[in-house]
Amino acid sequence: YLASDHKSFMRFAKKSYLQQVFLTDELSYLTCWQATFLDPQLRLEYEGFPVPANSEIIITHCHTNRSLAVPRNFWTRSYFGKEYEVICHTYLDSHKAEEDKNYWVIVTGNPSDEDGTMIDRPN
């Protein structure tokens, strides 16, 4: 499960020093996440509805009420190449709306192609 907890002096992200995100095998309230609609004025109307595939959403941690983010300026090298740090932090612009660092897309597979995704599919 994907989990997160409040930042402390002992628990924080390695590069950004913000709230860390980690994997665990225990199901608890630290692993509870909520997908919210991108437009803040329509969030209450879409609350409880199924999440549409291939659309941008914001994933919020239920325990800390912070959004899942990839700041793209903190990265490490691994066997798989350059990997960006995934953290829990809500980035807000001057209008108190989430920035694109907090946007996520759930991409579904293309059933007609073995290796393709719905984004690769022609219209």
PDB file of N, CA and C in Angstrom:
ATOM      1  N   TYR A   1       0.829  -1.183   0.000  1.00  0.00           N
ATOM      2  CA  TYR A   1       0.000   0.000   0.000  1.00  0.00           C
ATOM      3  C   TYR A   1       0.877   1.250   0.000  1.00  0.00           C
ATOM      4  N   LEU A   2       0.379   2.304  -0.611  1.00  0.00           N
ATOM      5  CA  LEU A   2       1.057   3.589  -0.605  1.00  0.00           C
ATOM      6  C   LEU A   2       0.618   4.344   0.645  1.00  0.00           C
ATOM      7  N   ALA A   3       1.577   4.765   1.467  1.00  0.00           N
ATOM      8  CA  ALA A   3       1.263   5.395   2.750  1.00  0.00           C
ATOM      9  C   ALA A   3       2.031   6.691   2.912  1.00  0.00           C
ATOM     10  N   SER A   4       1.575   7.500   3.862  1.00  0.00           N
ATOM     11  CA  SER A   4       2.248   8.740   4.214  1.00  0.00           C
ATOM     12  C   SER A   4       1.860   9.101   5.639  1.00  0.00           C
ATOM     13  N   ASP A   5       2.718   9.874   6.305  1.00  0.00           N
ATOM     14  CA  ASP A   5       2.460  10.310   7.664  1.00  0.00           C
ATOM     15  C   ASP A   5       3.019  11.712   7.831  1.00  0.00           C
ATOM     16  N   HIS A   6       2.632  12.377   8.906  1.00  0.00           N
ATOM     17  CA  HIS A   6       3.104  13.741   9.144  1.00  0.00           C
ATOM     18  C   HIS A   6       4.626  13.797   9.166  1.00  0.00           C
ATOM     19  N   LYS A   7       5.165  14.913   8.726  1.00  0.00           N
ATOM     20  CA  LYS A   7       6.608  15.126   8.737  1.00  0.00           C
ATOM     21  C   LYS A   7       7.066  15.323  10.179  1.00  0.00           C
ATOM     22  N   SER A   8       8.214  14.730  10.509  1.00  0.00           N
ATOM     23  CA  SER A   8       8.802  14.919  11.833  1.00  0.00           C
ATOM     24  C   SER A   8      10.302  15.088  11.658  1.00  0.00           C
ATOM     25  N   PHE A   9      11.009  15.205  12.767  1.00  0.00           N
ATOM     26  CA  PHE A   9      12.463  15.356  12.691  1.00  0.00           C
ATOM     27  C   PHE A   9      13.139  14.081  12.205  1.00  0.00           C
ATOM     28  N   MET A  10      12.479  12.943  12.380  1.00  0.00           N
ATOM     29  CA  MET A  10      13.054  11.664  11.963  1.00  0.00           C
ATOM     30  C   MET A  10      12.488  11.168  10.634  1.00  0.00           C
ATOM     31  N   ARG A  11      11.264  11.585  10.298  1.00  0.00           N
ATOM     32  CA  ARG A  11      10.593  11.104   9.083  1.00  0.00           C
ATOM     33  C   ARG A  11      10.332  12.262   8.143  1.00  0.00           C
ATOM     34  N   PHE A  12      11.044  12.291   7.023  1.00  0.00           N
ATOM     35  CA  PHE A  12      10.820  13.292   5.986  1.00  0.00           C
ATOM     36  C   PHE A  12      11.422  12.774   4.695  1.00  0.00           C
ATOM     37  N   ALA A  13      11.077  13.397   3.585  1.00  0.00           N
ATOM     38  CA  ALA A  13      11.607  12.994   2.281  1.00  0.00           C
ATOM     39  C   ALA A  13      13.090  13.323   2.213  1.00  0.00           C
ATOM     40  N   LYS A  14      13.842  12.468   1.550  1.00  0.00           N
ATOM     41  CA  LYS A  14      15.303  12.588   1.549  1.00  0.00           C
ATOM     42  C   LYS A  14      15.832  13.829   0.851  1.00  0.00           C
ATOM     43  N   LYS A  15      15.234  14.235  -0.252  1.00  0.00           N
ATOM     44  CA  LYS A  15      15.743  15.370  -1.026  1.00  0.00           C
ATOM     45  C   LYS A  15      15.051  16.685  -0.692  1.00  0.00           C
ATOM     46  N   SER A  16      13.720  16.682  -0.619  1.00  0.00           N
ATOM     47  CA  SER A  16      12.969  17.927  -0.440  1.00  0.00           C
ATOM     48  C   SER A  16      12.704  18.270   1.025  1.00  0.00           C
ATOM     49  N   TYR A  17      12.893  17.320   1.932  1.00  0.00           N
ATOM     50  CA  TYR A  17      12.625  17.481   3.367  1.00  0.00           C
ATOM     51  C   TYR A  17      11.161  17.781   3.656  1.00  0.00           C
ATOM     52  N   LEU A  18      10.276  17.370   2.758  1.00  0.00           N
ATOM     53  CA  LEU A  18       8.842  17.521   2.967  1.00  0.00           C
ATOM     54  C   LEU A  18       8.268  16.187   3.430  1.00  0.00           C
ATOM     55  N   GLN A  19       6.950  16.066   3.469  1.00  0.00           N
ATOM     56  CA  GLN A  19       6.292  14.857   3.949  1.00  0.00           C
ATOM     57  C   GLN A  19       6.558  13.686   3.004  1.00  0.00           C
ATOM     58  N   GLN A  20       7.080  12.601   3.540  1.00  0.00           N
ATOM     59  CA  GLN A  20       7.469  11.463   2.708  1.00  0.00           C
ATOM     60  C   GLN A  20       6.283  10.577   2.348  1.00  0.00           C
ATOM     61  N   VAL A  21       6.444   9.853   1.249  1.00  0.00           N
ATOM     62  CA  VAL A  21       5.503   8.841   0.799  1.00  0.00           C
ATOM     63  C   VAL A  21       6.271   7.534   0.733  1.00  0.00           C
ATOM     64  N   PHE A  22       5.703   6.456   1.262  1.00  0.00           N
ATOM     65  CA  PHE A  22       6.411   5.183   1.316  1.00  0.00           C
ATOM     66  C   PHE A  22       5.448   4.025   1.082  1.00  0.00           C
ATOM     67  N   LEU A  23       6.004   2.859   0.779  1.00  0.00           N
ATOM     68  CA  LEU A  23       5.210   1.647   0.580  1.00  0.00           C
ATOM     69  C   LEU A  23       5.231   0.809   1.855  1.00  0.00           C
ATOM     70  N   THR A  24       4.096   0.216   2.191  1.00  0.00           N
ATOM     71  CA  THR A  24       3.983  -0.635   3.364  1.00  0.00           C
ATOM     72  C   THR A  24       3.051  -1.801   3.045  1.00  0.00           C
ATOM     73  N   ASP A  25       3.162  -2.866   3.836  1.00  0.00           N
ATOM     74  CA  ASP A  25       2.286  -4.021   3.637  1.00  0.00           C
ATOM     75  C   ASP A  25       1.123  -4.036   4.630  1.00  0.00           C
ATOM     76  N   GLU A  26       0.994  -3.010   5.447  1.00  0.00           N
ATOM     77  CA  GLU A  26      -0.080  -2.928   6.437  1.00  0.00           C
ATOM     78  C   GLU A  26      -1.164  -1.970   5.961  1.00  0.00           C
ATOM     79  N   LEU A  27      -2.404  -2.406   6.076  1.00  0.00           N
ATOM     80  CA  LEU A  27      -3.540  -1.561   5.732  1.00  0.00           C
ATOM     81  C   LEU A  27      -3.934  -0.758   6.965  1.00  0.00           C
ATOM     82  N   SER A  28      -3.863   0.571   6.875  1.00  0.00           N
ATOM     83  CA  SER A  28      -4.219   1.441   7.991  1.00  0.00           C
ATOM     84  C   SER A  28      -4.742   2.768   7.431  1.00  0.00           C
ATOM     85  N   TYR A  29      -5.026   3.698   8.334  1.00  0.00           N
ATOM     86  CA  TYR A  29      -5.506   5.004   7.884  1.00  0.00           C
ATOM     87  C   TYR A  29      -4.400   5.802   7.208  1.00  0.00           C
ATOM     88  N   LEU A  30      -3.148   5.427   7.401  1.00  0.00           N
ATOM     89  CA  LEU A  30      -2.039   6.083   6.715  1.00  0.00           C
ATOM     90  C   LEU A  30      -2.009   5.735   5.231  1.00  0.00           C
ATOM     91  N   THR A  31      -2.745   4.700   4.822  1.00  0.00           N
ATOM     92  CA  THR A  31      -2.793   4.284   3.415  1.00  0.00           C
ATOM     93  C   THR A  31      -4.092   4.695   2.731  1.00  0.00           C
ATOM     94  N   CYS A  32      -4.846   5.613   3.330  1.00  0.00           N
ATOM     95  CA  CYS A  32      -6.138   6.046   2.783  1.00  0.00           C
ATOM     96  C   CYS A  32      -5.933   7.295   1.923  1.00  0.00           C
ATOM     97  N   TRP A  33      -6.350   7.210   0.659  1.00  0.00           N
ATOM     98  CA  TRP A  33      -6.207   8.313  -0.297  1.00  0.00           C
ATOM     99  C   TRP A  33      -7.559   8.605  -0.922  1.00  0.00           C
ATOM    100  N   GLN A  34      -7.750   9.840  -1.387  1.00  0.00           N
ATOM    101  CA  GLN A  34      -9.004  10.236  -2.015  1.00  0.00           C
ATOM    102  C   GLN A  34      -8.713  10.981  -3.313  1.00  0.00           C
ATOM    103  N   ALA A  35      -9.398  10.591  -4.373  1.00  0.00           N
ATOM    104  CA  ALA A  35      -9.270  11.277  -5.660  1.00  0.00           C
ATOM    105  C   ALA A  35     -10.288  12.399  -5.705  1.00  0.00           C
ATOM    106  N   THR A  36      -9.821  13.623  -5.965  1.00  0.00           N
ATOM    107  CA  THR A  36     -10.721  14.773  -6.032  1.00  0.00           C
ATOM    108  C   THR A  36     -10.695  15.370  -7.427  1.00  0.00           C
ATOM    109  N   PHE A  37     -11.784  16.011  -7.788  1.00  0.00           N
ATOM    110  CA  PHE A  37     -11.935  16.624  -9.103  1.00  0.00           C
ATOM    111  C   PHE A  37     -10.990  17.814  -9.226  1.00  0.00           C
ATOM    112  N   LEU A  38     -10.517  18.077 -10.434  1.00  0.00           N
ATOM    113  CA  LEU A  38      -9.512  19.118 -10.645  1.00  0.00           C
ATOM    114  C   LEU A  38     -10.063  20.521 -10.409  1.00  0.00           C
ATOM    115  N   ASP A  39     -11.270  20.804 -10.861  1.00  0.00           N
ATOM    116  CA  ASP A  39     -11.863  22.131 -10.709  1.00  0.00           C
ATOM    117  C   ASP A  39     -12.393  22.297  -9.283  1.00  0.00           C
ATOM    118  N   PRO A  40     -11.881  23.268  -8.513  1.00  0.00           N
ATOM    119  CA  PRO A  40     -12.329  23.417  -7.120  1.00  0.00           C
ATOM    120  C   PRO A  40     -13.806  23.772  -6.979  1.00  0.00           C
ATOM    121  N   GLN A  41     -14.400  24.425  -7.971  1.00  0.00           N
ATOM    122  CA  GLN A  41     -15.807  24.808  -7.876  1.00  0.00           C
ATOM    123  C   GLN A  41     -16.753  23.631  -8.118  1.00  0.00           C
ATOM    124  N   LEU A  42     -16.255  22.555  -8.711  1.00  0.00           N
ATOM    125  CA  LEU A  42     -17.102  21.387  -8.990  1.00  0.00           C
ATOM    126  C   LEU A  42     -16.779  20.193  -8.089  1.00  0.00           C
ATOM    127  N   ARG A  43     -15.902  20.354  -7.106  1.00  0.00           N
ATOM    128  CA  ARG A  43     -15.485  19.215  -6.278  1.00  0.00           C
ATOM    129  C   ARG A  43     -16.621  18.634  -5.450  1.00  0.00           C
ATOM    130  N   LEU A  44     -17.458  19.464  -4.879  1.00  0.00           N
ATOM    131  CA  LEU A  44     -18.563  18.949  -4.075  1.00  0.00           C
ATOM    132  C   LEU A  44     -19.585  18.217  -4.931  1.00  0.00           C
ATOM    133  N   GLU A  45     -19.800  18.679  -6.158  1.00  0.00           N
ATOM    134  CA  GLU A  45     -20.759  18.022  -7.040  1.00  0.00           C
ATOM    135  C   GLU A  45     -20.277  16.653  -7.499  1.00  0.00           C
ATOM    136  N   TYR A  46     -18.957  16.471  -7.660  1.00  0.00           N
ATOM    137  CA  TYR A  46     -18.414  15.207  -8.138  1.00  0.00           C
ATOM    138  C   TYR A  46     -17.955  14.297  -7.006  1.00  0.00           C
ATOM    139  N   GLU A  47     -18.151  14.692  -5.764  1.00  0.00           N
ATOM    140  CA  GLU A  47     -17.730  13.862  -4.632  1.00  0.00           C
ATOM    141  C   GLU A  47     -18.565  12.587  -4.585  1.00  0.00           C
ATOM    142  N   GLY A  48     -17.891  11.441  -4.498  1.00  0.00           N
ATOM    143  CA  GLY A  48     -18.566  10.155  -4.459  1.00  0.00           C
ATOM    144  C   GLY A  48     -18.786   9.524  -5.817  1.00  0.00           C
ATOM    145  N   PHE A  49     -18.524  10.233  -6.892  1.00  0.00           N
ATOM    146  CA  PHE A  49     -18.687   9.694  -8.240  1.00  0.00           C
ATOM    147  C   PHE A  49     -17.474   8.842  -8.613  1.00  0.00           C
ATOM    148  N   PRO A  50     -17.609   7.919  -9.568  1.00  0.00           N
ATOM    149  CA  PRO A  50     -16.446   7.156 -10.040  1.00  0.00           C
ATOM    150  C   PRO A  50     -15.418   8.071 -10.698  1.00  0.00           C
ATOM    151  N   VAL A  51     -14.162   7.683 -10.588  1.00  0.00           N
ATOM    152  CA  VAL A  51     -13.074   8.472 -11.172  1.00  0.00           C
ATOM    153  C   VAL A  51     -12.986   8.147 -12.657  1.00  0.00           C
ATOM    154  N   PRO A  52     -13.131   9.133 -13.543  1.00  0.00           N
ATOM    155  CA  PRO A  52     -13.030   8.849 -14.981  1.00  0.00           C
ATOM    156  C   PRO A  52     -11.574   8.588 -15.370  1.00  0.00           C
ATOM    157  N   ALA A  53     -11.392   7.628 -16.265  1.00  0.00           N
ATOM    158  CA  ALA A  53     -10.046   7.311 -16.736  1.00  0.00           C
ATOM    159  C   ALA A  53      -9.555   8.392 -17.683  1.00  0.00           C
ATOM    160  N   ASN A  54      -8.236   8.547 -17.753  1.00  0.00           N
ATOM    161  CA  ASN A  54      -7.554   9.461 -18.671  1.00  0.00           C
ATOM    162  C   ASN A  54      -7.935  10.927 -18.459  1.00  0.00           C
ATOM    163  N   SER A  55      -8.294  11.297 -17.239  1.00  0.00           N
ATOM    164  CA  SER A  55      -8.559  12.696 -16.917  1.00  0.00           C
ATOM    165  C   SER A  55      -7.713  13.083 -15.709  1.00  0.00           C
ATOM    166  N   GLU A  56      -7.363  14.364 -15.638  1.00  0.00           N
ATOM    167  CA  GLU A  56      -6.512  14.822 -14.546  1.00  0.00           C
ATOM    168  C   GLU A  56      -7.302  14.898 -13.244  1.00  0.00           C
ATOM    169  N   ILE A  57      -6.696  14.400 -12.159  1.00  0.00           N
ATOM    170  CA  ILE A  57      -7.299  14.429 -10.834  1.00  0.00           C
ATOM    171  C   ILE A  57      -6.233  14.860  -9.833  1.00  0.00           C
ATOM    172  N   ILE A  58      -6.659  15.109  -8.624  1.00  0.00           N
ATOM    173  CA  ILE A  58      -5.756  15.398  -7.514  1.00  0.00           C
ATOM    174  C   ILE A  58      -5.946  14.290  -6.490  1.00  0.00           C
ATOM    175  N   ILE A  59      -4.857  13.666  -6.066  1.00  0.00           N
ATOM    176  CA  ILE A  59      -4.913  12.581  -5.091  1.00  0.00           C
ATOM    177  C   ILE A  59      -4.504  13.146  -3.737  1.00  0.00           C
ATOM    178  N   THR A  60      -5.429  13.108  -2.771  1.00  0.00           N
ATOM    179  CA  THR A  60      -5.228  13.720  -1.461  1.00  0.00           C
ATOM    180  C   THR A  60      -5.148  12.642  -0.395  1.00  0.00           C
ATOM    181  N   HIS A  61      -4.196  12.793   0.517  1.00  0.00           N
ATOM    182  CA  HIS A  61      -4.034  11.861   1.632  1.00  0.00           C
ATOM    183  C   HIS A  61      -5.090  12.188   2.692  1.00  0.00           C
ATOM    184  N   CYS A  62      -5.856  11.187   3.126  1.00  0.00           N
ATOM    185  CA  CYS A  62      -6.963  11.420   4.047  1.00  0.00           C
ATOM    186  C   CYS A  62      -6.490  11.802   5.451  1.00  0.00           C
ATOM    187  N   HIS A  63      -5.385  11.258   5.899  1.00  0.00           N
ATOM    188  CA  HIS A  63      -4.907  11.512   7.261  1.00  0.00           C
ATOM    189  C   HIS A  63      -4.317  12.910   7.413  1.00  0.00           C
ATOM    190  N   THR A  64      -3.555  13.375   6.434  1.00  0.00           N
ATOM    191  CA  THR A  64      -2.873  14.663   6.547  1.00  0.00           C
ATOM    192  C   THR A  64      -3.500  15.759   5.686  1.00  0.00           C
ATOM    193  N   ASN A  65      -4.414  15.409   4.797  1.00  0.00           N
ATOM    194  CA  ASN A  65      -5.077  16.343   3.880  1.00  0.00           C
ATOM    195  C   ASN A  65      -4.073  17.089   2.994  1.00  0.00           C
ATOM    196  N   ARG A  66      -3.013  16.405   2.605  1.00  0.00           N
ATOM    197  CA  ARG A  66      -2.030  16.960   1.669  1.00  0.00           C
ATOM    198  C   ARG A  66      -2.101  16.156   0.374  1.00  0.00           C
ATOM    199  N   SER A  67      -1.772  16.813  -0.720  1.00  0.00           N
ATOM    200  CA  SER A  67      -1.891  16.174  -2.038  1.00  0.00           C
ATOM    201  C   SER A  67      -0.597  15.486  -2.435  1.00  0.00           C
ATOM    202  N   LEU A  68      -0.738  14.426  -3.209  1.00  0.00           N
ATOM    203  CA  LEU A  68       0.407  13.713  -3.758  1.00  0.00           C
ATOM    204  C   LEU A  68       1.035  14.572  -4.839  1.00  0.00           C
ATOM    205  N   ALA A  69       2.364  14.703  -4.823  1.00  0.00           N
ATOM    206  CA  ALA A  69       3.021  15.626  -5.747  1.00  0.00           C
ATOM    207  C   ALA A  69       4.364  15.090  -6.214  1.00  0.00           C
ATOM    208  N   VAL A  70       4.775  15.564  -7.381  1.00  0.00           N
ATOM    209  CA  VAL A  70       6.122  15.326  -7.919  1.00  0.00           C
ATOM    210  C   VAL A  70       6.688  16.697  -8.273  1.00  0.00           C
ATOM    211  N   PRO A  71       7.602  17.251  -7.449  1.00  0.00           N
ATOM    212  CA  PRO A  71       8.084  18.605  -7.717  1.00  0.00           C
ATOM    213  C   PRO A  71       9.014  18.724  -8.917  1.00  0.00           C
ATOM    214  N   ARG A  72       9.601  17.660  -9.405  1.00  0.00           N
ATOM    215  CA  ARG A  72      10.455  17.611 -10.592  1.00  0.00           C
ATOM    216  C   ARG A  72      11.780  18.353 -10.454  1.00  0.00           C
ATOM    217  N   ASN A  73      12.115  18.870  -9.288  1.00  0.00           N
ATOM    218  CA  ASN A  73      13.450  19.428  -9.106  1.00  0.00           C
ATOM    219  C   ASN A  73      14.256  18.634  -8.087  1.00  0.00           C
ATOM    220  N   PHE A  74      13.692  17.527  -7.580  1.00  0.00           N
ATOM    221  CA  PHE A  74      14.399  16.615  -6.696  1.00  0.00           C
ATOM    222  C   PHE A  74      14.388  15.233  -7.336  1.00  0.00           C
ATOM    223  N   TRP A  75      15.557  14.738  -7.733  1.00  0.00           N
ATOM    224  CA  TRP A  75      15.627  13.450  -8.412  1.00  0.00           C
ATOM    225  C   TRP A  75      16.886  12.717  -7.966  1.00  0.00           C
ATOM    226  N   THR A  76      16.881  11.409  -8.185  1.00  0.00           N
ATOM    227  CA  THR A  76      18.032  10.562  -7.894  1.00  0.00           C
ATOM    228  C   THR A  76      18.268   9.632  -9.074  1.00  0.00           C
ATOM    229  N   ARG A  77      19.472   9.143  -9.193  1.00  0.00           N
ATOM    230  CA  ARG A  77      19.798   8.158 -10.223  1.00  0.00           C
ATOM    231  C   ARG A  77      19.611   6.771  -9.639  1.00  0.00           C
ATOM    232  N   SER A  78      19.041   5.881 -10.443  1.00  0.00           N
ATOM    233  CA  SER A  78      18.855   4.494 -10.024  1.00  0.00           C
ATOM    234  C   SER A  78      19.161   3.589 -11.212  1.00  0.00           C
ATOM    235  N   TYR A  79      18.925   2.301 -11.033  1.00  0.00           N
ATOM    236  CA  TYR A  79      19.130   1.352 -12.128  1.00  0.00           C
ATOM    237  C   TYR A  79      18.189   1.623 -13.294  1.00  0.00           C
ATOM    238  N   PHE A  80      17.075   2.288 -13.023  1.00  0.00           N
ATOM    239  CA  PHE A  80      16.079   2.569 -14.045  1.00  0.00           C
ATOM    240  C   PHE A  80      16.267   3.931 -14.697  1.00  0.00           C
ATOM    241  N   GLY A  81      17.294   4.672 -14.291  1.00  0.00           N
ATOM    242  CA  GLY A  81      17.546   6.002 -14.837  1.00  0.00           C
ATOM    243  C   GLY A  81      17.226   7.076 -13.823  1.00  0.00           C
ATOM    244  N   LYS A  82      16.826   8.229 -14.299  1.00  0.00           N
ATOM    245  CA  LYS A  82      16.506   9.364 -13.436  1.00  0.00           C
ATOM    246  C   LYS A  82      15.114   9.166 -12.836  1.00  0.00           C
ATOM    247  N   GLU A  83      15.012   9.177 -11.505  1.00  0.00           N
ATOM    248  CA  GLU A  83      13.735   9.016 -10.819  1.00  0.00           C
ATOM    249  C   GLU A  83      13.445  10.254  -9.990  1.00  0.00           C
ATOM    250  N   TYR A  84      12.237  10.779 -10.131  1.00  0.00           N
ATOM    251  CA  TYR A  84      11.831  11.951  -9.370  1.00  0.00           C
ATOM    252  C   TYR A  84      11.243  11.528  -8.032  1.00  0.00           C
ATOM    253  N   GLU A  85      11.378  12.400  -7.050  1.00  0.00           N
ATOM    254  CA  GLU A  85      10.874  12.121  -5.712  1.00  0.00           C
ATOM    255  C   GLU A  85       9.370  12.377  -5.653  1.00  0.00           C
ATOM    256  N   VAL A  86       8.622  11.419  -5.123  1.00  0.00           N
ATOM    257  CA  VAL A  86       7.184  11.557  -4.919  1.00  0.00           C
ATOM    258  C   VAL A  86       6.973  11.912  -3.454  1.00  0.00           C
ATOM    259  N   ILE A  87       6.257  13.003  -3.211  1.00  0.00           N
ATOM    260  CA  ILE A  87       6.058  13.479  -1.844  1.00  0.00           C
ATOM    261  C   ILE A  87       4.589  13.801  -1.617  1.00  0.00           C
ATOM    262  N   CYS A  88       4.269  14.181  -0.402  1.00  0.00           N
ATOM    263  CA  CYS A  88       2.930  14.630  -0.043  1.00  0.00           C
ATOM    264  C   CYS A  88       3.026  16.102   0.333  1.00  0.00           C
ATOM    265  N   HIS A  89       2.618  16.965  -0.576  1.00  0.00           N
ATOM    266  CA  HIS A  89       2.646  18.409  -0.331  1.00  0.00           C
ATOM    267  C   HIS A  89       1.700  19.074  -1.324  1.00  0.00           C
ATOM    268  N   THR A  90       0.888  19.980  -0.854  1.00  0.00           N
ATOM    269  CA  THR A  90      -0.043  20.681  -1.722  1.00  0.00           C
ATOM    270  C   THR A  90       0.600  21.980  -2.195  1.00  0.00           C
ATOM    271  N   TYR A  91       0.906  22.044  -3.477  1.00  0.00           N
ATOM    272  CA  TYR A  91       1.473  23.250  -4.070  1.00  0.00           C
ATOM    273  C   TYR A  91       0.320  24.133  -4.546  1.00  0.00           C
ATOM    274  N   LEU A  92       0.245  25.364  -4.028  1.00  0.00           N
ATOM    275  CA  LEU A  92      -0.831  26.276  -4.377  1.00  0.00           C
ATOM    276  C   LEU A  92      -0.278  27.481  -5.130  1.00  0.00           C
ATOM    277  N   ASP A  93      -1.057  27.980  -6.103  1.00  0.00           N
ATOM    278  CA  ASP A  93      -0.657  29.188  -6.828  1.00  0.00           C
ATOM    279  C   ASP A  93      -1.224  30.422  -6.117  1.00  0.00           C
ATOM    280  N   SER A  94      -1.149  31.574  -6.753  1.00  0.00           N
ATOM    281  CA  SER A  94      -1.597  32.817  -6.121  1.00  0.00           C
ATOM    282  C   SER A  94      -3.113  32.861  -5.908  1.00  0.00           C
ATOM    283  N   HIS A  95      -3.859  32.011  -6.633  1.00  0.00           N
ATOM    284  CA  HIS A  95      -5.318  31.962  -6.487  1.00  0.00           C
ATOM    285  C   HIS A  95      -5.754  30.839  -5.554  1.00  0.00           C
ATOM    286  N   LYS A  96      -4.818  30.264  -4.814  1.00  0.00           N
ATOM    287  CA  LYS A  96      -5.064  29.155  -3.875  1.00  0.00           C
ATOM    288  C   LYS A  96      -5.628  27.922  -4.578  1.00  0.00           C
ATOM    289  N   ALA A  97      -5.242  27.714  -5.812  1.00  0.00           N
ATOM    290  CA  ALA A  97      -5.588  26.509  -6.563  1.00  0.00           C
ATOM    291  C   ALA A  97      -4.322  25.663  -6.709  1.00  0.00           C
ATOM    292  N   GLU A  98      -4.499  24.352  -6.822  1.00  0.00           N
ATOM    293  CA  GLU A  98      -3.359  23.452  -6.920  1.00  0.00           C
ATOM    294  C   GLU A  98      -2.594  23.678  -8.219  1.00  0.00           C
ATOM    295  N   GLU A  99      -1.278  23.557  -8.133  1.00  0.00           N
ATOM    296  CA  GLU A  99      -0.432  23.668  -9.321  1.00  0.00           C
ATOM    297  C   GLU A  99      -0.370  22.322 -10.032  1.00  0.00           C
ATOM    298  N   ASP A 100       0.251  22.308 -11.220  1.00  0.00           N
ATOM    299  CA  ASP A 100       0.316  21.079 -12.012  1.00  0.00           C
ATOM    300  C   ASP A 100       1.222  20.021 -11.382  1.00  0.00           C
ATOM    301  N   LYS A 101       1.980  20.356 -10.364  1.00  0.00           N
ATOM    302  CA  LYS A 101       2.794  19.360  -9.660  1.00  0.00           C
ATOM    303  C   LYS A 101       1.914  18.365  -8.916  1.00  0.00           C
ATOM    304  N   ASN A 102       0.662  18.737  -8.647  1.00  0.00           N
ATOM    305  CA  ASN A 102      -0.272  17.884  -7.926  1.00  0.00           C
ATOM    306  C   ASN A 102      -1.248  17.151  -8.841  1.00  0.00           C
ATOM    307  N   TYR A 103      -1.132  17.312 -10.160  1.00  0.00           N
ATOM    308  CA  TYR A 103      -2.062  16.673 -11.089  1.00  0.00           C
ATOM    309  C   TYR A 103      -1.608  15.249 -11.392  1.00  0.00           C
ATOM    310  N   TRP A 104      -2.560  14.322 -11.415  1.00  0.00           N
ATOM    311  CA  TRP A 104      -2.287  12.925 -11.743  1.00  0.00           C
ATOM    312  C   TRP A 104      -3.306  12.452 -12.767  1.00  0.00           C
ATOM    313  N   VAL A 105      -2.916  11.492 -13.600  1.00  0.00           N
ATOM    314  CA  VAL A 105      -3.798  10.899 -14.603  1.00  0.00           C
ATOM    315  C   VAL A 105      -3.753   9.389 -14.432  1.00  0.00           C
ATOM    316  N   ILE A 106      -4.912   8.759 -14.301  1.00  0.00           N
ATOM    317  CA  ILE A 106      -4.999   7.294 -14.265  1.00  0.00           C
ATOM    318  C   ILE A 106      -5.227   6.839 -15.698  1.00  0.00           C
ATOM    319  N   VAL A 107      -4.214   6.195 -16.281  1.00  0.00           N
ATOM    320  CA  VAL A 107      -4.244   5.794 -17.686  1.00  0.00           C
ATOM    321  C   VAL A 107      -4.665   4.331 -17.756  1.00  0.00           C
ATOM    322  N   THR A 108      -5.636   4.039 -18.613  1.00  0.00           N
ATOM    323  CA  THR A 108      -6.078   2.661 -18.798  1.00  0.00           C
ATOM    324  C   THR A 108      -5.391   2.049 -20.005  1.00  0.00           C
ATOM    325  N   GLY A 109      -5.372   0.744 -20.076  1.00  0.00           N
ATOM    326  CA  GLY A 109      -4.756   0.047 -21.190  1.00  0.00           C
ATOM    327  C   GLY A 109      -5.662  -0.005 -22.401  1.00  0.00           C
ATOM    328  N   ASN A 110      -5.051  -0.109 -23.570  1.00  0.00           N
ATOM    329  CA  ASN A 110      -5.783  -0.213 -24.817  1.00  0.00           C
ATOM    330  C   ASN A 110      -6.067  -1.700 -25.049  1.00  0.00           C
ATOM    331  N   PRO A 111      -7.332  -2.124 -25.070  1.00  0.00           N
ATOM    332  CA  PRO A 111      -7.623  -3.553 -25.223  1.00  0.00           C
ATOM    333  C   PRO A 111      -7.287  -4.124 -26.596  1.00  0.00           C
ATOM    334  N   SER A 112      -7.113  -3.262 -27.615  1.00  0.00           N
ATOM    335  CA  SER A 112      -6.838  -3.767 -28.954  1.00  0.00           C
ATOM    336  C   SER A 112      -5.346  -3.927 -29.224  1.00  0.00           C
ATOM    337  N   ASP A 113      -4.496  -3.467 -28.312  1.00  0.00           N
ATOM    338  CA  ASP A 113      -3.061  -3.524 -28.525  1.00  0.00           C
ATOM    339  C   ASP A 113      -2.409  -4.029 -27.246  1.00  0.00           C
ATOM    340  N   GLU A 114      -1.407  -4.893 -27.370  1.00  0.00           N
ATOM    341  CA  GLU A 114      -0.786  -5.474 -26.183  1.00  0.00           C
ATOM    342  C   GLU A 114       0.018  -4.451 -25.395  1.00  0.00           C
ATOM    343  N   ASP A 115       0.765  -3.590 -26.064  1.00  0.00           N
ATOM    344  CA  ASP A 115       1.659  -2.673 -25.372  1.00  0.00           C
ATOM    345  C   ASP A 115       1.164  -1.230 -25.346  1.00  0.00           C
ATOM    346  N   GLY A 116       0.020  -0.952 -25.945  1.00  0.00           N
ATOM    347  CA  GLY A 116      -0.440   0.424 -26.050  1.00  0.00           C
ATOM    348  C   GLY A 116      -1.281   0.854 -24.857  1.00  0.00           C
ATOM    349  N   THR A 117      -1.384   2.150 -24.674  1.00  0.00           N
ATOM    350  CA  THR A 117      -2.264   2.720 -23.653  1.00  0.00           C
ATOM    351  C   THR A 117      -3.318   3.553 -24.373  1.00  0.00           C
ATOM    352  N   MET A 118      -4.279   4.023 -23.629  1.00  0.00           N
ATOM    353  CA  MET A 118      -5.348   4.831 -24.206  1.00  0.00           C
ATOM    354  C   MET A 118      -4.824   6.168 -24.724  1.00  0.00           C
ATOM    355  N   ILE A 119      -3.718   6.670 -24.156  1.00  0.00           N
ATOM    356  CA  ILE A 119      -3.157   7.921 -24.647  1.00  0.00           C
ATOM    357  C   ILE A 119      -2.538   7.719 -26.030  1.00  0.00           C
ATOM    358  N   ASP A 120      -1.960   6.527 -26.288  1.00  0.00           N
ATOM    359  CA  ASP A 120      -1.350   6.229 -27.572  1.00  0.00           C
ATOM    360  C   ASP A 120      -2.378   5.949 -28.671  1.00  0.00           C
ATOM    361  N   ARG A 121      -3.615   5.706 -28.306  1.00  0.00           N
ATOM    362  CA  ARG A 121      -4.658   5.320 -29.258  1.00  0.00           C
ATOM    363  C   ARG A 121      -5.085   6.509 -30.117  1.00  0.00           C
ATOM    364  N   PRO A 122      -5.160   6.342 -31.429  1.00  0.00           N
ATOM    365  CA  PRO A 122      -5.615   7.442 -32.286  1.00  0.00           C
ATOM    366  C   PRO A 122      -7.111   7.696 -32.098  1.00  0.00           C
ATOM    367  N   ASN A 123      -7.528   8.923 -32.313  1.00  0.00           N
ATOM    368  CA  ASN A 123      -8.957   9.283 -32.153  1.00  0.00           C
ATOM    369  C   ASN A 123      -9.780   8.871 -33.354  1.00  0.00           C
TER     370      ASN A 123
END
